[in-house]
PDB file of N, CA and C in Angstrom:
ATOM      1  N   UNK A   1     157.347-221.840  36.731  1.00  0.00           N
ATOM      2  CA  UNK A   1     157.972-221.587  38.896  1.00  0.00           C
ATOM      3  C   UNK A   1     157.767-219.958  38.878  1.00  0.00           C
ATOM      4  N   UNK A   2     157.476-219.142  38.210  1.00  0.00           N
ATOM      5  CA  UNK A   2     157.454-218.323  39.037  1.00  0.00           C
ATOM      6  C   UNK A   2     156.038-218.345  39.872  1.00  0.00           C
ATOM      7  N   UNK A   3     155.307-218.549  38.657  1.00  0.00           N
ATOM      8  CA  UNK A   3     153.306-218.911  40.273  1.00  0.00           C
ATOM      9  C   UNK A   3     153.668-219.728  41.492  1.00  0.00           C
ATOM     10  N   UNK A   4     154.851-221.081  41.210  1.00  0.00           N
ATOM     11  CA  UNK A   4     155.058-221.582  42.096  1.00  0.00           C
ATOM     12  C   UNK A   4     155.649-220.578  43.408  1.00  0.00           C
ATOM     13  N   UNK A   5     156.504-219.939  43.177  1.00  0.00           N
ATOM     14  CA  UNK A   5     157.799-219.448  44.084  1.00  0.00           C
ATOM     15  C   UNK A   5     156.548-218.504  44.334  1.00  0.00           C
ATOM     16  N   UNK A   6     156.214-217.685  44.009  1.00  0.00           N
ATOM     17  CA  UNK A   6     155.005-217.339  45.158  1.00  0.00           C
ATOM     18  C   UNK A   6     154.203-217.172  45.618  1.00  0.00           C
ATOM     19  N   UNK A   7     153.502-218.488  45.276  1.00  0.00           N
ATOM     20  CA  UNK A   7     152.040-219.018  45.784  1.00  0.00           C
ATOM     21  C   UNK A   7     153.087-219.839  47.049  1.00  0.00           C
ATOM     22  N   UNK A   8     154.529-220.530  47.196  1.00  0.00           N
ATOM     23  CA  UNK A   8     155.123-220.996  48.414  1.00  0.00           C
ATOM     24  C   UNK A   8     155.441-219.568  49.517  1.00  0.00           C
ATOM     25  N   UNK A   9     155.723-218.141  48.551  1.00  0.00           N
ATOM     26  CA  UNK A   9     155.717-217.281  49.220  1.00  0.00           C
ATOM     27  C   UNK A   9     155.002-216.393  49.947  1.00  0.00           C
ATOM     28  N   UNK A  10     153.862-216.380  49.328  1.00  0.00           N
ATOM     29  CA  UNK A  10     152.141-216.361  49.453  1.00  0.00           C
ATOM     30  C   UNK A  10     151.818-216.864  50.674  1.00  0.00           C
ATOM     31  N   UNK A  11     152.097-218.661  51.006  1.00  0.00           N
ATOM     32  CA  UNK A  11     151.420-218.624  52.583  1.00  0.00           C
ATOM     33  C   UNK A  11     152.970-218.806  53.408  1.00  0.00           C
ATOM     34  N   UNK A  12     154.197-218.614  53.338  1.00  0.00           N
ATOM     35  CA  UNK A  12     155.116-218.498  54.501  1.00  0.00           C
ATOM     36  C   UNK A  12     154.969-217.013  54.933  1.00  0.00           C
ATOM     37  N   UNK A  13     154.178-215.979  54.066  1.00  0.00           N
ATOM     38  CA  UNK A  13     154.123-214.847  54.160  1.00  0.00           C
ATOM     39  C   UNK A  13     153.356-214.058  54.811  1.00  0.00           C
ATOM     40  N   UNK A  14     153.786-212.828  55.440  1.00  0.00           N
ATOM     41  CA  UNK A  14     152.164-212.102  57.043  1.00  0.00           C
ATOM     42  C   UNK A  14     152.224-211.130  55.519  1.00  0.00           C
ATOM     43  N   UNK A  15     152.862-210.877  54.848  1.00  0.00           N
ATOM     44  CA  UNK A  15     152.011-209.606  54.113  1.00  0.00           C
ATOM     45  C   UNK A  15     151.451-210.083  52.638  1.00  0.00           C
ATOM     46  N   UNK A  16     150.418-210.497  52.642  1.00  0.00           N
ATOM     47  CA  UNK A  16     149.030-211.228  52.111  1.00  0.00           C
ATOM     48  C   UNK A  16     148.167-209.844  51.383  1.00  0.00           C
ATOM     49  N   UNK A  17     148.235-209.165  52.094  1.00  0.00           N
ATOM     50  CA  UNK A  17     146.970-207.432  51.464  1.00  0.00           C
ATOM     51  C   UNK A  17     147.962-207.142  49.766  1.00  0.00           C
ATOM     52  N   UNK A  18     147.154-207.188  48.708  1.00  0.00           N
ATOM     53  CA  UNK A  18     147.762-207.081  47.742  1.00  0.00           C
ATOM     54  C   UNK A  18     146.637-205.617  47.683  1.00  0.00           C
ATOM     55  N   UNK A  19     147.983-204.992  47.613  1.00  0.00           N
ATOM     56  CA  UNK A  19     147.681-202.900  47.550  1.00  0.00           C
ATOM     57  C   UNK A  19     148.380-202.258  46.117  1.00  0.00           C
ATOM     58  N   UNK A  20     149.386-202.649  45.135  1.00  0.00           N
ATOM     59  CA  UNK A  20     149.019-202.308  43.461  1.00  0.00           C
ATOM     60  C   UNK A  20     149.677-203.207  42.698  1.00  0.00           C
ATOM     61  N   UNK A  21     149.116-203.406  41.587  1.00  0.00           N
ATOM     62  CA  UNK A  21     149.906-204.313  40.379  1.00  0.00           C
ATOM     63  C   UNK A  21     150.245-203.754  39.257  1.00  0.00           C
ATOM     64  N   UNK A  22     151.724-203.889  38.995  1.00  0.00           N
ATOM     65  CA  UNK A  22     151.437-202.735  37.595  1.00  0.00           C
ATOM     66  C   UNK A  22     152.842-203.634  36.560  1.00  0.00           C
ATOM     67  N   UNK A  23     152.590-202.947  35.614  1.00  0.00           N
ATOM     68  CA  UNK A  23     153.480-203.934  34.220  1.00  0.00           C
ATOM     69  C   UNK A  23     155.078-203.208  34.038  1.00  0.00           C
ATOM     70  N   UNK A  24     154.955-201.428  34.747  1.00  0.00           N
ATOM     71  CA  UNK A  24     155.544-200.472  34.145  1.00  0.00           C
ATOM     72  C   UNK A  24     156.844-200.940  35.095  1.00  0.00           C
ATOM     73  N   UNK A  25     157.895-201.172  34.654  1.00  0.00           N
ATOM     74  CA  UNK A  25     159.689-201.199  35.806  1.00  0.00           C
ATOM     75  C   UNK A  25     159.480-199.563  36.119  1.00  0.00           C
ATOM     76  N   UNK A  26     159.125-199.029  35.692  1.00  0.00           N
ATOM     77  CA  UNK A  26     159.369-197.123  36.321  1.00  0.00           C
ATOM     78  C   UNK A  26     157.926-196.423  37.430  1.00  0.00           C
ATOM     79  N   UNK A  27     157.534-197.768  37.264  1.00  0.00           N
ATOM     80  CA  UNK A  27     156.191-197.182  38.592  1.00  0.00           C
ATOM     81  C   UNK A  27     156.801-198.631  40.148  1.00  0.00           C
ATOM     82  N   UNK A  28     157.119-200.012  38.981  1.00  0.00           N
ATOM     83  CA  UNK A  28     158.205-200.611  40.350  1.00  0.00           C
ATOM     84  C   UNK A  28     158.674-199.985  41.097  1.00  0.00           C
ATOM     85  N   UNK A  29     159.687-198.956  40.694  1.00  0.00           N
ATOM     86  CA  UNK A  29     160.935-198.852  42.216  1.00  0.00           C
ATOM     87  C   UNK A  29     160.405-196.959  42.301  1.00  0.00           C
ATOM     88  N   UNK A  30     159.480-196.417  41.458  1.00  0.00           N
ATOM     89  CA  UNK A  30     158.924-195.293  42.220  1.00  0.00           C
ATOM     90  C   UNK A  30     157.985-195.944  43.917  1.00  0.00           C
ATOM     91  N   UNK A  31     157.267-196.774  43.542  1.00  0.00           N
ATOM     92  CA  UNK A  31     156.153-197.278  44.244  1.00  0.00           C
ATOM     93  C   UNK A  31     156.793-197.678  45.594  1.00  0.00           C
ATOM     94  N   UNK A  32     158.250-198.528  45.105  1.00  0.00           N
ATOM     95  CA  UNK A  32     159.154-199.304  46.477  1.00  0.00           C
ATOM     96  C   UNK A  32     159.976-197.854  46.915  1.00  0.00           C
ATOM     97  N   UNK A  33     160.258-197.121  46.362  1.00  0.00           N
ATOM     98  CA  UNK A  33     160.805-196.442  47.134  1.00  0.00           C
ATOM     99  C   UNK A  33     159.944-195.258  47.684  1.00  0.00           C
ATOM    100  N   UNK A  34     158.553-195.347  47.893  1.00  0.00           N
ATOM    101  CA  UNK A  34     157.818-194.270  48.319  1.00  0.00           C
ATOM    102  C   UNK A  34     157.171-195.849  49.671  1.00  0.00           C
ATOM    103  N   UNK A  35     157.179-196.541  49.171  1.00  0.00           N
ATOM    104  CA  UNK A  35     156.812-197.173  50.704  1.00  0.00           C
ATOM    105  C   UNK A  35     158.227-197.882  51.288  1.00  0.00           C
ATOM    106  N   UNK A  36     159.535-197.294  51.074  1.00  0.00           N
ATOM    107  CA  UNK A  36     160.600-198.104  51.579  1.00  0.00           C
ATOM    108  C   UNK A  36     161.231-196.154  52.724  1.00  0.00           C
ATOM    109  N   UNK A  37     160.879-195.399  51.641  1.00  0.00           N
ATOM    110  CA  UNK A  37     161.011-194.020  52.673  1.00  0.00           C
ATOM    111  C   UNK A  37     159.801-194.082  53.861  1.00  0.00           C
ATOM    112  N   UNK A  38     158.382-194.594  53.966  1.00  0.00           N
ATOM    113  CA  UNK A  38     157.532-194.167  54.909  1.00  0.00           C
ATOM    114  C   UNK A  38     157.878-195.163  55.789  1.00  0.00           C
ATOM    115  N   UNK A  39     158.478-196.525  56.248  1.00  0.00           N
ATOM    116  CA  UNK A  39     158.544-198.064  56.234  1.00  0.00           C
ATOM    117  C   UNK A  39     157.454-198.661  56.785  1.00  0.00           C
ATOM    118  N   UNK A  40     157.525-199.012  54.950  1.00  0.00           N
ATOM    119  CA  UNK A  40     156.157-200.182  55.039  1.00  0.00           C
ATOM    120  C   UNK A  40     156.565-201.317  54.703  1.00  0.00           C
ATOM    121  N   UNK A  41     156.997-201.832  55.408  1.00  0.00           N
ATOM    122  CA  UNK A  41     157.321-203.553  54.596  1.00  0.00           C
ATOM    123  C   UNK A  41     156.214-204.053  53.662  1.00  0.00           C
ATOM    124  N   UNK A  42     157.269-204.776  52.622  1.00  0.00           N
ATOM    125  CA  UNK A  42     156.326-205.375  52.040  1.00  0.00           C
ATOM    126  C   UNK A  42     156.943-206.436  51.003  1.00  0.00           C
ATOM    127  N   UNK A  43     156.063-206.496  50.191  1.00  0.00           N
ATOM    128  CA  UNK A  43     156.871-207.892  49.308  1.00  0.00           C
ATOM    129  C   UNK A  43     156.035-207.656  47.968  1.00  0.00           C
ATOM    130  N   UNK A  44     157.860-208.569  46.830  1.00  0.00           N
ATOM    131  CA  UNK A  44     157.168-207.902  45.432  1.00  0.00           C
ATOM    132  C   UNK A  44     156.806-209.259  44.833  1.00  0.00           C
ATOM    133  N   UNK A  45     155.809-209.721  44.018  1.00  0.00           N
ATOM    134  CA  UNK A  45     155.313-210.914  43.273  1.00  0.00           C
ATOM    135  C   UNK A  45     155.882-210.586  41.299  1.00  0.00           C
ATOM    136  N   UNK A  46     156.817-211.215  41.089  1.00  0.00           N
ATOM    137  CA  UNK A  46     156.556-211.040  40.507  1.00  0.00           C
ATOM    138  C   UNK A  46     155.879-211.997  39.120  1.00  0.00           C
ATOM    139  N   UNK A  47     155.315-211.981  37.965  1.00  0.00           N
ATOM    140  CA  UNK A  47     154.750-212.422  37.141  1.00  0.00           C
ATOM    141  C   UNK A  47     155.465-212.442  35.375  1.00  0.00           C
ATOM    142  N   UNK A  48     156.003-213.465  34.936  1.00  0.00           N
ATOM    143  CA  UNK A  48     156.675-213.270  33.825  1.00  0.00           C
ATOM    144  C   UNK A  48     155.128-213.869  32.896  1.00  0.00           C
ATOM    145  N   UNK A  49     155.079-212.492  31.881  1.00  0.00           N
ATOM    146  CA  UNK A  49     154.096-213.291  31.111  1.00  0.00           C
ATOM    147  C   UNK A  49     154.692-213.258  29.483  1.00  0.00           C
ATOM    148  N   UNK A  50     156.265-212.851  29.338  1.00  0.00           N
ATOM    149  CA  UNK A  50     156.893-213.479  28.646  1.00  0.00           C
ATOM    150  C   UNK A  50     155.795-213.956  26.951  1.00  0.00           C
ATOM    151  N   UNK A  51     156.228-214.253  26.199  1.00  0.00           N
ATOM    152  CA  UNK A  51     155.970-214.557  25.128  1.00  0.00           C
ATOM    153  C   UNK A  51     156.329-215.591  24.496  1.00  0.00           C
ATOM    154  N   UNK A  52     156.278-216.541  23.733  1.00  0.00           N
ATOM    155  CA  UNK A  52     157.130-217.586  22.836  1.00  0.00           C
ATOM    156  C   UNK A  52     157.680-216.817  21.896  1.00  0.00           C
ATOM    157  N   UNK A  53     156.854-216.199  21.396  1.00  0.00           N
ATOM    158  CA  UNK A  53     157.014-215.465  19.761  1.00  0.00           C
ATOM    159  C   UNK A  53     157.845-214.046  20.156  1.00  0.00           C
ATOM    160  N   UNK A  54     158.766-213.483  19.237  1.00  0.00           N
ATOM    161  CA  UNK A  54     159.169-212.150  20.014  1.00  0.00           C
ATOM    162  C   UNK A  54     158.476-211.305  19.508  1.00  0.00           C
ATOM    163  N   UNK A  55     157.857-210.551  19.916  1.00  0.00           N
ATOM    164  CA  UNK A  55     157.029-209.701  19.635  1.00  0.00           C
ATOM    165  C   UNK A  55     157.227-207.968  19.087  1.00  0.00           C
ATOM    166  N   UNK A  56     156.934-206.791  19.595  1.00  0.00           N
ATOM    167  CA  UNK A  56     157.709-205.829  18.206  1.00  0.00           C
ATOM    168  C   UNK A  56     157.627-204.644  19.576  1.00  0.00           C
ATOM    169  N   UNK A  57     158.569-203.347  18.790  1.00  0.00           N
ATOM    170  CA  UNK A  57     159.559-202.773  20.255  1.00  0.00           C
ATOM    171  C   UNK A  57     157.943-202.037  20.463  1.00  0.00           C
ATOM    172  N   UNK A  58     157.942-201.975  22.058  1.00  0.00           N
ATOM    173  CA  UNK A  58     157.250-200.714  22.570  1.00  0.00           C
ATOM    174  C   UNK A  58     157.660-199.913  23.624  1.00  0.00           C
ATOM    175  N   UNK A  59     157.106-199.147  24.794  1.00  0.00           N
ATOM    176  CA  UNK A  59     157.958-197.847  24.893  1.00  0.00           C
ATOM    177  C   UNK A  59     158.125-198.486  25.783  1.00  0.00           C
ATOM    178  N   UNK A  60     157.403-199.512  26.681  1.00  0.00           N
ATOM    179  CA  UNK A  60     157.259-199.846  27.623  1.00  0.00           C
ATOM    180  C   UNK A  60     157.112-201.719  27.554  1.00  0.00           C
ATOM    181  N   UNK A  61     157.402-202.283  28.751  1.00  0.00           N
ATOM    182  CA  UNK A  61     157.853-203.854  28.233  1.00  0.00           C
ATOM    183  C   UNK A  61     156.648-204.354  29.790  1.00  0.00           C
ATOM    184  N   UNK A  62     155.490-204.680  28.791  1.00  0.00           N
ATOM    185  CA  UNK A  62     155.117-205.303  29.162  1.00  0.00           C
ATOM    186  C   UNK A  62     154.625-206.726  29.785  1.00  0.00           C
ATOM    187  N   UNK A  63     155.513-207.812  29.820  1.00  0.00           N
ATOM    188  CA  UNK A  63     155.982-209.011  29.825  1.00  0.00           C
ATOM    189  C   UNK A  63     155.541-209.111  31.368  1.00  0.00           C
ATOM    190  N   UNK A  64     155.873-208.770  32.345  1.00  0.00           N
ATOM    191  CA  UNK A  64     156.733-208.028  33.521  1.00  0.00           C
ATOM    192  C   UNK A  64     155.283-208.184  34.666  1.00  0.00           C
ATOM    193  N   UNK A  65     155.058-208.394  35.662  1.00  0.00           N
ATOM    194  CA  UNK A  65     153.361-208.243  36.255  1.00  0.00           C
ATOM    195  C   UNK A  65     154.466-208.425  37.533  1.00  0.00           C
ATOM    196  N   UNK A  66     154.126-207.001  38.115  1.00  0.00           N
ATOM    197  CA  UNK A  66     154.466-206.758  39.380  1.00  0.00           C
ATOM    198  C   UNK A  66     153.320-206.544  40.487  1.00  0.00           C
ATOM    199  N   UNK A  67     153.430-207.100  40.992  1.00  0.00           N
ATOM    200  CA  UNK A  67     152.221-206.832  42.667  1.00  0.00           C
ATOM    201  C   UNK A  67     152.959-206.936  44.444  1.00  0.00           C
ATOM    202  N   UNK A  68     152.495-205.887  44.108  1.00  0.00           N
ATOM    203  CA  UNK A  68     153.572-205.202  45.592  1.00  0.00           C
ATOM    204  C   UNK A  68     151.885-205.967  46.681  1.00  0.00           C
ATOM    205  N   UNK A  69     152.208-206.899  47.646  1.00  0.00           N
ATOM    206  CA  UNK A  69     151.900-206.911  48.754  1.00  0.00           C
ATOM    207  C   UNK A  69     152.378-206.457  50.346  1.00  0.00           C
ATOM    208  N   UNK A  70     151.519-206.158  51.586  1.00  0.00           N
ATOM    209  CA  UNK A  70     151.958-205.949  52.345  1.00  0.00           C
ATOM    210  C   UNK A  70     150.583-206.270  53.117  1.00  0.00           C
ATOM    211  N   UNK A  71     151.136-205.842  54.708  1.00  0.00           N
ATOM    212  CA  UNK A  71     150.134-207.167  55.970  1.00  0.00           C
ATOM    213  C   UNK A  71     149.090-206.004  56.374  1.00  0.00           C
ATOM    214  N   UNK A  72     148.066-206.617  56.509  1.00  0.00           N
ATOM    215  CA  UNK A  72     147.101-206.013  56.730  1.00  0.00           C
ATOM    216  C   UNK A  72     146.800-204.981  57.688  1.00  0.00           C
ATOM    217  N   UNK A  73     147.509-204.759  58.202  1.00  0.00           N
ATOM    218  CA  UNK A  73     147.662-204.315  59.259  1.00  0.00           C
ATOM    219  C   UNK A  73     147.913-202.499  58.796  1.00  0.00           C
ATOM    220  N   UNK A  74     148.976-202.922  57.858  1.00  0.00           N
ATOM    221  CA  UNK A  74     149.540-201.869  57.062  1.00  0.00           C
ATOM    222  C   UNK A  74     148.882-200.991  55.837  1.00  0.00           C
ATOM    223  N   UNK A  75     148.189-201.778  55.997  1.00  0.00           N
ATOM    224  CA  UNK A  75     147.424-201.277  54.214  1.00  0.00           C
ATOM    225  C   UNK A  75     146.831-199.644  54.174  1.00  0.00           C
ATOM    226  N   UNK A  76     146.777-199.174  55.209  1.00  0.00           N
ATOM    227  CA  UNK A  76     146.069-198.241  54.802  1.00  0.00           C
ATOM    228  C   UNK A  76     147.179-197.329  55.290  1.00  0.00           C
ATOM    229  N   UNK A  77     148.803-197.422  55.665  1.00  0.00           N
ATOM    230  CA  UNK A  77     149.748-196.761  55.761  1.00  0.00           C
ATOM    231  C   UNK A  77     150.294-196.795  54.413  1.00  0.00           C
ATOM    232  N   UNK A  78     150.043-197.899  53.847  1.00  0.00           N
ATOM    233  CA  UNK A  78     150.876-198.201  51.712  1.00  0.00           C
ATOM    234  C   UNK A  78     150.214-196.956  50.959  1.00  0.00           C
ATOM    235  N   UNK A  79     148.958-196.861  51.589  1.00  0.00           N
ATOM    236  CA  UNK A  79     148.361-196.538  50.407  1.00  0.00           C
ATOM    237  C   UNK A  79     148.123-194.772  50.477  1.00  0.00           C
ATOM    238  N   UNK A  80     148.871-194.180  51.796  1.00  0.00           N
ATOM    239  CA  UNK A  80     148.533-192.804  52.035  1.00  0.00           C
ATOM    240  C   UNK A  80     149.883-193.133  51.930  1.00  0.00           C
ATOM    241  N   UNK A  81     151.160-194.163  51.843  1.00  0.00           N
ATOM    242  CA  UNK A  81     152.889-193.705  51.050  1.00  0.00           C
ATOM    243  C   UNK A  81     152.257-193.748  49.621  1.00  0.00           C
ATOM    244  N   UNK A  82     151.710-194.692  48.614  1.00  0.00           N
ATOM    245  CA  UNK A  82     151.846-194.637  47.413  1.00  0.00           C
ATOM    246  C   UNK A  82     151.274-193.427  46.591  1.00  0.00           C
ATOM    247  N   UNK A  83     150.216-192.503  46.939  1.00  0.00           N
ATOM    248  CA  UNK A  83     149.069-191.329  47.080  1.00  0.00           C
ATOM    249  C   UNK A  83     149.614-190.298  47.856  1.00  0.00           C
ATOM    250  N   UNK A  84     151.093-190.322  47.772  1.00  0.00           N
ATOM    251  CA  UNK A  84     151.614-188.676  48.603  1.00  0.00           C
ATOM    252  C   UNK A  84     152.511-188.112  47.548  1.00  0.00           C
TER     253      UNK A  84
END
């Protein structure tokens, strides 16, 4: 279901330029904060990669992929915000 919703949002959104992908939730919050602080509008597509069988505990939960998209004209500003 995530894939269908992500495709629909992609088609209807003007934010189609992929600028960052992470599996780490702390990075997600850090990046979202930086983009918001610099006034860059973005959207996030999440892809669940949850295994059907339980997996051993890890420091990070890599079961969700976060993909950040911005408008093409905002790409440079977004990249500056990410690396500041």
